[in-house]
PDB file of N, CA and C in Angstrom:
ATOM      1  N   MET A   1      35.406  81.398 160.503  1.00  0.00           N
ATOM      2  CA  MET A   1      36.708  80.869 160.823  1.00  0.00           C
ATOM      3  C   MET A   1      36.955  79.698 159.818  1.00  0.00           C
ATOM      4  N   LYS A   2      38.131  79.313 159.807  1.00  0.00           N
ATOM      5  CA  LYS A   2      38.551  78.171 159.001  1.00  0.00           C
ATOM      6  C   LYS A   2      39.193  77.105 159.827  1.00  0.00           C
ATOM      7  N   CYS A   3      38.903  75.887 159.543  1.00  0.00           N
ATOM      8  CA  CYS A   3      39.490  74.746 160.243  1.00  0.00           C
ATOM      9  C   CYS A   3      40.965  74.754 159.967  1.00  0.00           C
ATOM     10  N   PRO A   4      41.812  74.614 161.048  1.00  0.00           N
ATOM     11  CA  PRO A   4      43.230  74.582 160.851  1.00  0.00           C
ATOM     12  C   PRO A   4      43.744  73.416 160.046  1.00  0.00           C
ATOM     13  N   ARG A   5      43.064  72.324 159.968  1.00  0.00           N
ATOM     14  CA  ARG A   5      43.470  71.119 159.403  1.00  0.00           C
ATOM     15  C   ARG A   5      43.088  71.036 157.958  1.00  0.00           C
ATOM     16  N   CYS A   6      41.831  71.260 157.580  1.00  0.00           N
ATOM     17  CA  CYS A   6      41.489  71.116 156.208  1.00  0.00           C
ATOM     18  C   CYS A   6      41.008  72.411 155.492  1.00  0.00           C
ATOM     19  N   LEU A   7      40.988  73.482 156.220  1.00  0.00           N
ATOM     20  CA  LEU A   7      40.634  74.933 155.743  1.00  0.00           C
ATOM     21  C   LEU A   7      39.097  74.977 155.284  1.00  0.00           C
ATOM     22  N   ALA A   8      38.334  74.100 155.803  1.00  0.00           N
ATOM     23  CA  ALA A   8      36.888  74.246 155.485  1.00  0.00           C
ATOM     24  C   ALA A   8      36.348  75.419 156.359  1.00  0.00           C
ATOM     25  N   VAL A   9      35.294  76.018 155.925  1.00  0.00           N
ATOM     26  CA  VAL A   9      34.708  77.207 156.528  1.00  0.00           C
ATOM     27  C   VAL A   9      33.771  76.681 157.657  1.00  0.00           C
ATOM     28  N   CYS A  10      33.940  77.091 158.897  1.00  0.00           N
ATOM     29  CA  CYS A  10      33.221  76.706 160.048  1.00  0.00           C
ATOM     30  C   CYS A  10      32.709  77.896 160.848  1.00  0.00           C
ATOM     31  N   LEU A  11      31.759  77.636 161.663  1.00  0.00           N
ATOM     32  CA  LEU A  11      31.313  78.639 162.598  1.00  0.00           C
ATOM     33  C   LEU A  11      32.217  78.675 163.832  1.00  0.00           C
ATOM     34  N   ASP A  12      32.221  79.877 164.513  1.00  0.00           N
ATOM     35  CA  ASP A  12      33.047  79.878 165.697  1.00  0.00           C
ATOM     36  C   ASP A  12      32.381  79.115 166.871  1.00  0.00           C
ATOM     37  N   THR A  13      31.180  78.703 166.760  1.00  0.00           N
ATOM     38  CA  THR A  13      30.425  77.983 167.895  1.00  0.00           C
ATOM     39  C   THR A  13      30.437  76.411 167.517  1.00  0.00           C
ATOM     40  N   ASP A  14      31.069  75.932 166.450  1.00  0.00           N
ATOM     41  CA  ASP A  14      31.077  74.534 166.085  1.00  0.00           C
ATOM     42  C   ASP A  14      31.974  73.883 167.070  1.00  0.00           C
ATOM     43  N   PRO A  15      31.600  72.751 167.603  1.00  0.00           N
ATOM     44  CA  PRO A  15      32.401  71.958 168.428  1.00  0.00           C
ATOM     45  C   PRO A  15      33.594  71.258 167.690  1.00  0.00           C
ATOM     46  N   HIS A  16      33.297  70.904 166.489  1.00  0.00           N
ATOM     47  CA  HIS A  16      34.271  70.138 165.583  1.00  0.00           C
ATOM     48  C   HIS A  16      34.014  70.574 164.173  1.00  0.00           C
ATOM     49  N   CYS A  17      35.019  70.267 163.255  1.00  0.00           N
ATOM     50  CA  CYS A  17      34.939  70.513 161.893  1.00  0.00           C
ATOM     51  C   CYS A  17      33.956  69.475 161.274  1.00  0.00           C
ATOM     52  N   PHE A  18      33.012  69.794 160.581  1.00  0.00           N
ATOM     53  CA  PHE A  18      32.072  68.928 160.016  1.00  0.00           C
ATOM     54  C   PHE A  18      32.639  68.131 158.763  1.00  0.00           C
ATOM     55  N   SER A  19      33.792  68.733 158.206  1.00  0.00           N
ATOM     56  CA  SER A  19      34.382  68.185 157.011  1.00  0.00           C
ATOM     57  C   SER A  19      35.361  67.070 157.324  1.00  0.00           C
ATOM     58  N   CYS A  20      36.388  67.472 158.262  1.00  0.00           N
ATOM     59  CA  CYS A  20      37.397  66.441 158.648  1.00  0.00           C
ATOM     60  C   CYS A  20      37.084  65.938 160.021  1.00  0.00           C
ATOM     61  N   ARG A  21      36.128  66.496 160.785  1.00  0.00           N
ATOM     62  CA  ARG A  21      35.779  65.965 162.091  1.00  0.00           C
ATOM     63  C   ARG A  21      36.778  66.147 163.265  1.00  0.00           C
ATOM     64  N   ALA A  22      37.799  67.125 162.951  1.00  0.00           N
ATOM     65  CA  ALA A  22      38.706  67.477 164.050  1.00  0.00           C
ATOM     66  C   ALA A  22      38.113  68.398 165.062  1.00  0.00           C
ATOM     67  N   PRO A  23      38.388  68.154 166.339  1.00  0.00           N
ATOM     68  CA  PRO A  23      37.828  69.008 167.439  1.00  0.00           C
ATOM     69  C   PRO A  23      38.557  70.392 167.380  1.00  0.00           C
ATOM     70  N   PHE A  24      37.708  71.402 167.817  1.00  0.00           N
ATOM     71  CA  PHE A  24      38.286  72.800 168.026  1.00  0.00           C
ATOM     72  C   PHE A  24      38.597  72.994 169.505  1.00  0.00           C
ATOM     73  N   GLY A  25      39.490  73.806 169.728  1.00  0.00           N
ATOM     74  CA  GLY A  25      39.822  74.293 171.059  1.00  0.00           C
ATOM     75  C   GLY A  25      40.354  73.105 172.009  1.00  0.00           C
ATOM     76  N   ASN A  26      39.984  73.120 173.181  1.00  0.00           N
ATOM     77  CA  ASN A  26      40.462  72.115 174.110  1.00  0.00           C
ATOM     78  C   ASN A  26      39.521  70.886 174.329  1.00  0.00           C
ATOM     79  N   SER A  27      38.651  70.611 173.223  1.00  0.00           N
ATOM     80  CA  SER A  27      37.696  69.662 173.361  1.00  0.00           C
ATOM     81  C   SER A  27      38.490  68.258 173.280  1.00  0.00           C
ATOM     82  N   ARG A  28      38.107  67.401 174.272  1.00  0.00           N
ATOM     83  CA  ARG A  28      38.758  66.038 174.341  1.00  0.00           C
ATOM     84  C   ARG A  28      38.015  65.002 173.669  1.00  0.00           C
ATOM     85  N   ASN A  29      36.813  65.220 173.260  1.00  0.00           N
ATOM     86  CA  ASN A  29      36.015  64.139 172.559  1.00  0.00           C
ATOM     87  C   ASN A  29      36.325  64.301 171.010  1.00  0.00           C
ATOM     88  N   VAL A  30      37.168  63.442 170.608  1.00  0.00           N
ATOM     89  CA  VAL A  30      37.616  63.264 169.130  1.00  0.00           C
ATOM     90  C   VAL A  30      36.555  62.595 168.391  1.00  0.00           C
ATOM     91  N   ARG A  31      36.027  63.148 167.406  1.00  0.00           N
ATOM     92  CA  ARG A  31      34.885  62.474 166.673  1.00  0.00           C
ATOM     93  C   ARG A  31      35.566  61.287 165.833  1.00  0.00           C
ATOM     94  N   PRO A  32      34.723  60.274 165.477  1.00  0.00           N
ATOM     95  CA  PRO A  32      35.310  59.207 164.722  1.00  0.00           C
ATOM     96  C   PRO A  32      35.637  59.782 163.278  1.00  0.00           C
ATOM     97  N   GLY A  33      36.769  59.446 162.768  1.00  0.00           N
ATOM     98  CA  GLY A  33      37.296  59.936 161.568  1.00  0.00           C
ATOM     99  C   GLY A  33      38.299  61.051 161.622  1.00  0.00           C
ATOM    100  N   ALA A  34      38.511  61.602 162.817  1.00  0.00           N
ATOM    101  CA  ALA A  34      39.436  62.734 162.863  1.00  0.00           C
ATOM    102  C   ALA A  34      40.839  62.324 163.019  1.00  0.00           C
ATOM    103  N   GLU A  35      41.234  60.939 162.961  1.00  0.00           N
ATOM    104  CA  GLU A  35      42.462  60.556 163.250  1.00  0.00           C
ATOM    105  C   GLU A  35      43.525  60.921 162.155  1.00  0.00           C
ATOM    106  N   ASN A  36      43.053  60.948 160.873  1.00  0.00           N
ATOM    107  CA  ASN A  36      44.054  61.227 159.827  1.00  0.00           C
ATOM    108  C   ASN A  36      43.535  62.382 158.904  1.00  0.00           C
ATOM    109  N   GLY A  37      42.400  62.881 159.077  1.00  0.00           N
ATOM    110  CA  GLY A  37      41.869  63.976 158.297  1.00  0.00           C
ATOM    111  C   GLY A  37      41.518  63.720 156.833  1.00  0.00           C
ATOM    112  N   LYS A  38      41.516  62.504 156.473  1.00  0.00           N
ATOM    113  CA  LYS A  38      41.158  62.071 155.013  1.00  0.00           C
ATOM    114  C   LYS A  38      39.728  61.535 155.052  1.00  0.00           C
ATOM    115  N   PRO A  39      39.049  61.726 154.047  1.00  0.00           N
ATOM    116  CA  PRO A  39      37.649  61.059 153.909  1.00  0.00           C
ATOM    117  C   PRO A  39      37.784  59.602 153.717  1.00  0.00           C
ATOM    118  N   PRO A  40      36.830  58.832 154.084  1.00  0.00           N
ATOM    119  CA  PRO A  40      36.903  57.409 153.740  1.00  0.00           C
ATOM    120  C   PRO A  40      37.049  57.062 152.237  1.00  0.00           C
ATOM    121  N   TYR A  41      37.607  55.846 151.934  1.00  0.00           N
ATOM    122  CA  TYR A  41      37.721  55.449 150.564  1.00  0.00           C
ATOM    123  C   TYR A  41      36.384  55.524 149.721  1.00  0.00           C
ATOM    124  N   SER A  42      35.318  55.247 150.394  1.00  0.00           N
ATOM    125  CA  SER A  42      33.946  55.183 149.752  1.00  0.00           C
ATOM    126  C   SER A  42      33.597  56.593 149.215  1.00  0.00           C
ATOM    127  N   THR A  43      33.898  57.605 149.963  1.00  0.00           N
ATOM    128  CA  THR A  43      33.645  59.012 149.587  1.00  0.00           C
ATOM    129  C   THR A  43      34.523  59.486 148.478  1.00  0.00           C
ATOM    130  N   ARG A  44      35.756  59.044 148.528  1.00  0.00           N
ATOM    131  CA  ARG A  44      36.696  59.436 147.533  1.00  0.00           C
ATOM    132  C   ARG A  44      36.401  58.748 146.186  1.00  0.00           C
ATOM    133  N   LEU A  45      35.995  57.435 146.246  1.00  0.00           N
ATOM    134  CA  LEU A  45      35.675  56.675 145.106  1.00  0.00           C
ATOM    135  C   LEU A  45      34.357  57.251 144.450  1.00  0.00           C
ATOM    136  N   SER A  46      33.470  57.691 145.323  1.00  0.00           N
ATOM    137  CA  SER A  46      32.167  58.252 144.773  1.00  0.00           C
ATOM    138  C   SER A  46      32.513  59.525 144.089  1.00  0.00           C
ATOM    139  N   MET A  47      33.409  60.369 144.573  1.00  0.00           N
ATOM    140  CA  MET A  47      33.785  61.607 143.841  1.00  0.00           C
ATOM    141  C   MET A  47      34.453  61.328 142.443  1.00  0.00           C
ATOM    142  N   ILE A  48      35.240  60.421 142.422  1.00  0.00           N
ATOM    143  CA  ILE A  48      35.959  60.007 141.256  1.00  0.00           C
ATOM    144  C   ILE A  48      34.921  59.532 140.220  1.00  0.00           C
ATOM    145  N   PHE A  49      34.117  58.537 140.575  1.00  0.00           N
ATOM    146  CA  PHE A  49      33.158  57.993 139.701  1.00  0.00           C
ATOM    147  C   PHE A  49      32.159  59.124 139.319  1.00  0.00           C
ATOM    148  N   GLY A  50      31.860  59.994 140.141  1.00  0.00           N
ATOM    149  CA  GLY A  50      30.899  61.140 139.784  1.00  0.00           C
ATOM    150  C   GLY A  50      31.468  61.968 138.709  1.00  0.00           C
ATOM    151  N   CYS A  51      32.826  62.369 138.845  1.00  0.00           N
ATOM    152  CA  CYS A  51      33.454  63.103 137.895  1.00  0.00           C
ATOM    153  C   CYS A  51      33.472  62.357 136.504  1.00  0.00           C
ATOM    154  N   LEU A  52      33.822  61.082 136.592  1.00  0.00           N
ATOM    155  CA  LEU A  52      33.832  60.287 135.294  1.00  0.00           C
ATOM    156  C   LEU A  52      32.522  60.289 134.643  1.00  0.00           C
ATOM    157  N   GLY A  53      31.493  60.136 135.538  1.00  0.00           N
ATOM    158  CA  GLY A  53      30.097  60.073 134.932  1.00  0.00           C
ATOM    159  C   GLY A  53      29.690  61.344 134.382  1.00  0.00           C
ATOM    160  N   ALA A  54      30.130  62.442 134.978  1.00  0.00           N
ATOM    161  CA  ALA A  54      29.804  63.817 134.340  1.00  0.00           C
ATOM    162  C   ALA A  54      30.451  64.037 133.020  1.00  0.00           C
ATOM    163  N   CYS A  55      31.609  63.381 132.845  1.00  0.00           N
ATOM    164  CA  CYS A  55      32.351  63.479 131.453  1.00  0.00           C
ATOM    165  C   CYS A  55      31.698  62.475 130.473  1.00  0.00           C
ATOM    166  N   LEU A  56      31.411  61.323 131.005  1.00  0.00           N
ATOM    167  CA  LEU A  56      30.867  60.313 129.981  1.00  0.00           C
ATOM    168  C   LEU A  56      29.348  60.460 129.698  1.00  0.00           C
ATOM    169  N   GLY A  57      28.594  61.103 130.576  1.00  0.00           N
ATOM    170  CA  GLY A  57      27.147  61.239 130.423  1.00  0.00           C
ATOM    171  C   GLY A  57      26.881  61.891 129.108  1.00  0.00           C
ATOM    172  N   PRO A  58      27.356  63.062 128.770  1.00  0.00           N
ATOM    173  CA  PRO A  58      27.015  63.755 127.484  1.00  0.00           C
ATOM    174  C   PRO A  58      27.536  62.961 126.323  1.00  0.00           C
ATOM    175  N   VAL A  59      28.548  62.157 126.457  1.00  0.00           N
ATOM    176  CA  VAL A  59      29.081  61.483 125.310  1.00  0.00           C
ATOM    177  C   VAL A  59      28.155  60.189 124.967  1.00  0.00           C
ATOM    178  N   LEU A  60      27.712  59.426 125.986  1.00  0.00           N
ATOM    179  CA  LEU A  60      26.918  58.373 125.907  1.00  0.00           C
ATOM    180  C   LEU A  60      25.505  58.622 125.607  1.00  0.00           C
ATOM    181  N   GLY A  61      24.963  59.771 126.110  1.00  0.00           N
ATOM    182  CA  GLY A  61      23.682  60.146 126.000  1.00  0.00           C
ATOM    183  C   GLY A  61      23.316  61.136 124.965  1.00  0.00           C
ATOM    184  N   SER A  62      24.283  61.494 124.013  1.00  0.00           N
ATOM    185  CA  SER A  62      24.038  62.531 123.055  1.00  0.00           C
ATOM    186  C   SER A  62      23.026  62.158 121.974  1.00  0.00           C
ATOM    187  N   SER A  63      22.766  60.928 121.819  1.00  0.00           N
ATOM    188  CA  SER A  63      21.784  60.470 120.779  1.00  0.00           C
ATOM    189  C   SER A  63      20.401  60.540 121.295  1.00  0.00           C
ATOM    190  N   ILE A  64      20.122  60.756 122.612  1.00  0.00           N
ATOM    191  CA  ILE A  64      18.819  60.870 123.101  1.00  0.00           C
ATOM    192  C   ILE A  64      18.656  62.267 123.565  1.00  0.00           C
ATOM    193  N   THR A  65      17.580  62.913 122.976  1.00  0.00           N
ATOM    194  CA  THR A  65      17.266  64.374 123.340  1.00  0.00           C
ATOM    195  C   THR A  65      16.352  64.482 124.441  1.00  0.00           C
ATOM    196  N   LEU A  66      16.811  64.972 125.564  1.00  0.00           N
ATOM    197  CA  LEU A  66      15.801  65.126 126.805  1.00  0.00           C
ATOM    198  C   LEU A  66      15.155  66.594 126.683  1.00  0.00           C
ATOM    199  N   ILE A  67      15.938  67.555 126.305  1.00  0.00           N
ATOM    200  CA  ILE A  67      15.484  68.913 126.222  1.00  0.00           C
ATOM    201  C   ILE A  67      15.846  69.446 124.773  1.00  0.00           C
ATOM    202  N   PRO A  68      14.810  69.768 123.964  1.00  0.00           N
ATOM    203  CA  PRO A  68      15.177  70.380 122.722  1.00  0.00           C
ATOM    204  C   PRO A  68      15.925  71.557 122.676  1.00  0.00           C
ATOM    205  N   SER A  69      16.921  71.697 121.752  1.00  0.00           N
ATOM    206  CA  SER A  69      17.639  72.991 121.535  1.00  0.00           C
ATOM    207  C   SER A  69      16.942  74.143 121.233  1.00  0.00           C
ATOM    208  N   SER A  70      17.204  75.297 121.751  1.00  0.00           N
ATOM    209  CA  SER A  70      16.503  76.492 121.313  1.00  0.00           C
ATOM    210  C   SER A  70      17.082  77.045 120.096  1.00  0.00           C
ATOM    211  N   GLY A  71      18.283  76.743 119.729  1.00  0.00           N
ATOM    212  CA  GLY A  71      18.981  77.347 118.520  1.00  0.00           C
ATOM    213  C   GLY A  71      19.533  78.651 118.695  1.00  0.00           C
ATOM    214  N   ASN A  72      19.606  79.110 119.786  1.00  0.00           N
ATOM    215  CA  ASN A  72      20.131  80.560 120.033  1.00  0.00           C
ATOM    216  C   ASN A  72      21.593  80.546 120.480  1.00  0.00           C
ATOM    217  N   GLY A  73      22.136  79.312 120.551  1.00  0.00           N
ATOM    218  CA  GLY A  73      23.467  79.134 121.015  1.00  0.00           C
ATOM    219  C   GLY A  73      23.576  79.113 122.516  1.00  0.00           C
ATOM    220  N   GLY A  74      24.765  79.257 123.110  1.00  0.00           N
ATOM    221  CA  GLY A  74      24.879  79.261 124.587  1.00  0.00           C
ATOM    222  C   GLY A  74      25.003  77.842 124.987  1.00  0.00           C
ATOM    223  N   LEU A  75      24.450  77.647 126.295  1.00  0.00           N
ATOM    224  CA  LEU A  75      24.625  76.328 126.947  1.00  0.00           C
ATOM    225  C   LEU A  75      23.599  75.348 126.366  1.00  0.00           C
ATOM    226  N   ASP A  76      24.072  74.187 126.032  1.00  0.00           N
ATOM    227  CA  ASP A  76      23.326  73.077 125.595  1.00  0.00           C
ATOM    228  C   ASP A  76      22.704  72.413 126.705  1.00  0.00           C
ATOM    229  N   LEU A  77      21.344  72.615 126.998  1.00  0.00           N
ATOM    230  CA  LEU A  77      20.786  72.035 128.190  1.00  0.00           C
ATOM    231  C   LEU A  77      20.651  70.557 128.107  1.00  0.00           C
ATOM    232  N   ASN A  78      20.620  69.952 126.920  1.00  0.00           N
ATOM    233  CA  ASN A  78      20.544  68.554 126.747  1.00  0.00           C
ATOM    234  C   ASN A  78      21.870  67.892 127.325  1.00  0.00           C
ATOM    235  N   GLN A  79      22.946  68.475 126.947  1.00  0.00           N
ATOM    236  CA  GLN A  79      24.312  67.965 127.448  1.00  0.00           C
ATOM    237  C   GLN A  79      24.431  68.198 128.865  1.00  0.00           C
ATOM    238  N   ALA A  80      23.948  69.336 129.382  1.00  0.00           N
ATOM    239  CA  ALA A  80      23.976  69.672 130.784  1.00  0.00           C
ATOM    240  C   ALA A  80      23.170  68.626 131.573  1.00  0.00           C
ATOM    241  N   CYS A  81      22.007  68.237 131.140  1.00  0.00           N
ATOM    242  CA  CYS A  81      21.156  67.264 131.814  1.00  0.00           C
ATOM    243  C   CYS A  81      21.892  65.956 131.836  1.00  0.00           C
ATOM    244  N   TRP A  82      22.413  65.543 130.695  1.00  0.00           N
ATOM    245  CA  TRP A  82      23.327  64.220 130.596  1.00  0.00           C
ATOM    246  C   TRP A  82      24.395  64.168 131.513  1.00  0.00           C
ATOM    247  N   ALA A  83      25.071  65.416 131.652  1.00  0.00           N
ATOM    248  CA  ALA A  83      26.206  65.467 132.601  1.00  0.00           C
ATOM    249  C   ALA A  83      25.753  65.346 134.017  1.00  0.00           C
ATOM    250  N   GLY A  84      24.639  65.901 134.462  1.00  0.00           N
ATOM    251  CA  GLY A  84      24.028  65.702 135.773  1.00  0.00           C
ATOM    252  C   GLY A  84      23.564  64.305 135.981  1.00  0.00           C
ATOM    253  N   ILE A  85      22.911  63.649 135.003  1.00  0.00           N
ATOM    254  CA  ILE A  85      22.573  62.252 135.134  1.00  0.00           C
ATOM    255  C   ILE A  85      23.762  61.345 135.304  1.00  0.00           C
ATOM    256  N   GLY A  86      24.784  61.626 134.472  1.00  0.00           N
ATOM    257  CA  GLY A  86      26.059  60.772 134.576  1.00  0.00           C
ATOM    258  C   GLY A  86      26.739  61.015 135.912  1.00  0.00           C
ATOM    259  N   ALA A  87      26.747  62.188 136.532  1.00  0.00           N
ATOM    260  CA  ALA A  87      27.377  62.440 137.720  1.00  0.00           C
ATOM    261  C   ALA A  87      26.620  61.765 138.880  1.00  0.00           C
ATOM    262  N   ALA A  88      25.320  61.819 138.819  1.00  0.00           N
ATOM    263  CA  ALA A  88      24.497  61.191 139.902  1.00  0.00           C
ATOM    264  C   ALA A  88      24.678  59.767 139.802  1.00  0.00           C
ATOM    265  N   ALA A  89      24.646  59.149 138.641  1.00  0.00           N
ATOM    266  CA  ALA A  89      24.734  57.740 138.462  1.00  0.00           C
ATOM    267  C   ALA A  89      26.079  57.307 138.836  1.00  0.00           C
ATOM    268  N   GLY A  90      27.078  57.973 138.347  1.00  0.00           N
ATOM    269  CA  GLY A  90      28.555  57.554 138.713  1.00  0.00           C
ATOM    270  C   GLY A  90      28.798  57.640 140.177  1.00  0.00           C
ATOM    271  N   GLY A  91      28.361  58.816 140.809  1.00  0.00           N
ATOM    272  CA  GLY A  91      28.584  58.908 142.191  1.00  0.00           C
ATOM    273  C   GLY A  91      27.969  57.930 143.071  1.00  0.00           C
ATOM    274  N   THR A  92      26.723  57.492 142.620  1.00  0.00           N
ATOM    275  CA  THR A  92      25.992  56.457 143.483  1.00  0.00           C
ATOM    276  C   THR A  92      26.683  55.076 143.239  1.00  0.00           C
ATOM    277  N   VAL A  93      27.143  54.774 142.064  1.00  0.00           N
ATOM    278  CA  VAL A  93      27.813  53.502 141.823  1.00  0.00           C
ATOM    279  C   VAL A  93      29.176  53.429 142.485  1.00  0.00           C
ATOM    280  N   GLY A  94      29.896  54.662 142.471  1.00  0.00           N
ATOM    281  CA  GLY A  94      31.159  54.711 143.204  1.00  0.00           C
ATOM    282  C   GLY A  94      31.043  54.576 144.714  1.00  0.00           C
ATOM    283  N   PHE A  95      30.047  55.156 145.289  1.00  0.00           N
ATOM    284  CA  PHE A  95      29.817  54.956 146.724  1.00  0.00           C
ATOM    285  C   PHE A  95      29.416  53.566 147.090  1.00  0.00           C
ATOM    286  N   VAL A  96      28.613  52.935 146.343  1.00  0.00           N
ATOM    287  CA  VAL A  96      28.237  51.564 146.630  1.00  0.00           C
ATOM    288  C   VAL A  96      29.396  50.639 146.460  1.00  0.00           C
ATOM    289  N   LEU A  97      30.221  50.818 145.436  1.00  0.00           N
ATOM    290  CA  LEU A  97      31.408  50.020 145.254  1.00  0.00           C
ATOM    291  C   LEU A  97      32.404  50.230 146.273  1.00  0.00           C
ATOM    292  N   GLY A  98      32.600  51.499 146.749  1.00  0.00           N
ATOM    293  CA  GLY A  98      33.406  51.803 147.853  1.00  0.00           C
ATOM    294  C   GLY A  98      33.086  51.144 149.214  1.00  0.00           C
ATOM    295  N   MET A  99      31.804  51.177 149.451  1.00  0.00           N
ATOM    296  CA  MET A  99      31.244  50.500 150.695  1.00  0.00           C
ATOM    297  C   MET A  99      31.435  48.937 150.581  1.00  0.00           C
ATOM    298  N   LEU A 100      31.242  48.399 149.436  1.00  0.00           N
ATOM    299  CA  LEU A 100      31.287  46.985 149.271  1.00  0.00           C
ATOM    300  C   LEU A 100      32.809  46.525 149.370  1.00  0.00           C
ATOM    301  N   LEU A 101      33.723  47.360 148.701  1.00  0.00           N
ATOM    302  CA  LEU A 101      35.056  46.932 148.706  1.00  0.00           C
ATOM    303  C   LEU A 101      35.861  47.253 149.985  1.00  0.00           C
ATOM    304  N   PHE A 102      35.625  48.388 150.427  1.00  0.00           N
ATOM    305  CA  PHE A 102      36.392  48.997 151.621  1.00  0.00           C
ATOM    306  C   PHE A 102      35.745  48.998 152.953  1.00  0.00           C
ATOM    307  N   GLY A 103      34.350  48.895 152.927  1.00  0.00           N
ATOM    308  CA  GLY A 103      33.435  49.034 154.154  1.00  0.00           C
ATOM    309  C   GLY A 103      33.488  50.354 154.684  1.00  0.00           C
ATOM    310  N   SER A 104      32.694  50.540 155.722  1.00  0.00           N
ATOM    311  CA  SER A 104      32.430  51.905 156.256  1.00  0.00           C
ATOM    312  C   SER A 104      33.468  52.358 157.236  1.00  0.00           C
ATOM    313  N   LYS A 105      34.298  51.520 157.866  1.00  0.00           N
ATOM    314  CA  LYS A 105      35.121  51.804 158.854  1.00  0.00           C
ATOM    315  C   LYS A 105      36.678  52.060 158.372  1.00  0.00           C
ATOM    316  N   SER A 106      36.902  51.629 157.088  1.00  0.00           N
ATOM    317  CA  SER A 106      38.210  51.718 156.604  1.00  0.00           C
ATOM    318  C   SER A 106      38.579  53.244 156.356  1.00  0.00           C
ATOM    319  N   ARG A 107      39.880  53.716 156.612  1.00  0.00           N
ATOM    320  CA  ARG A 107      40.183  55.008 156.407  1.00  0.00           C
ATOM    321  C   ARG A 107      41.373  54.979 155.350  1.00  0.00           C
ATOM    322  N   GLY A 108      41.478  56.136 154.619  1.00  0.00           N
ATOM    323  CA  GLY A 108      42.481  56.331 153.681  1.00  0.00           C
ATOM    324  C   GLY A 108      43.790  56.725 154.120  1.00  0.00           C
TER     325      GLY A 108
END
């Protein structure tokens, strides 16, 4: 089944949506964070910084070779590794900045 609020895939036996935390059925216990259906600012900032890090990682790390190229063409594993490193570093920095600037209780 899909959540009627955010369209996330959920099981029929779930008491609430684990993505937007909205209750299913006649449940009266509303989970924290279900009031507006948006993720907190820290999560959104983490996603934005992670995307930027995935774009900037291969550009900034192109001079350092982590995995030598096979020369057969196709996917450049060195740039893929730098994109992953950039996404992980950017996502972590974005989440920390979001928690420092907006706190854990602020909602978007």
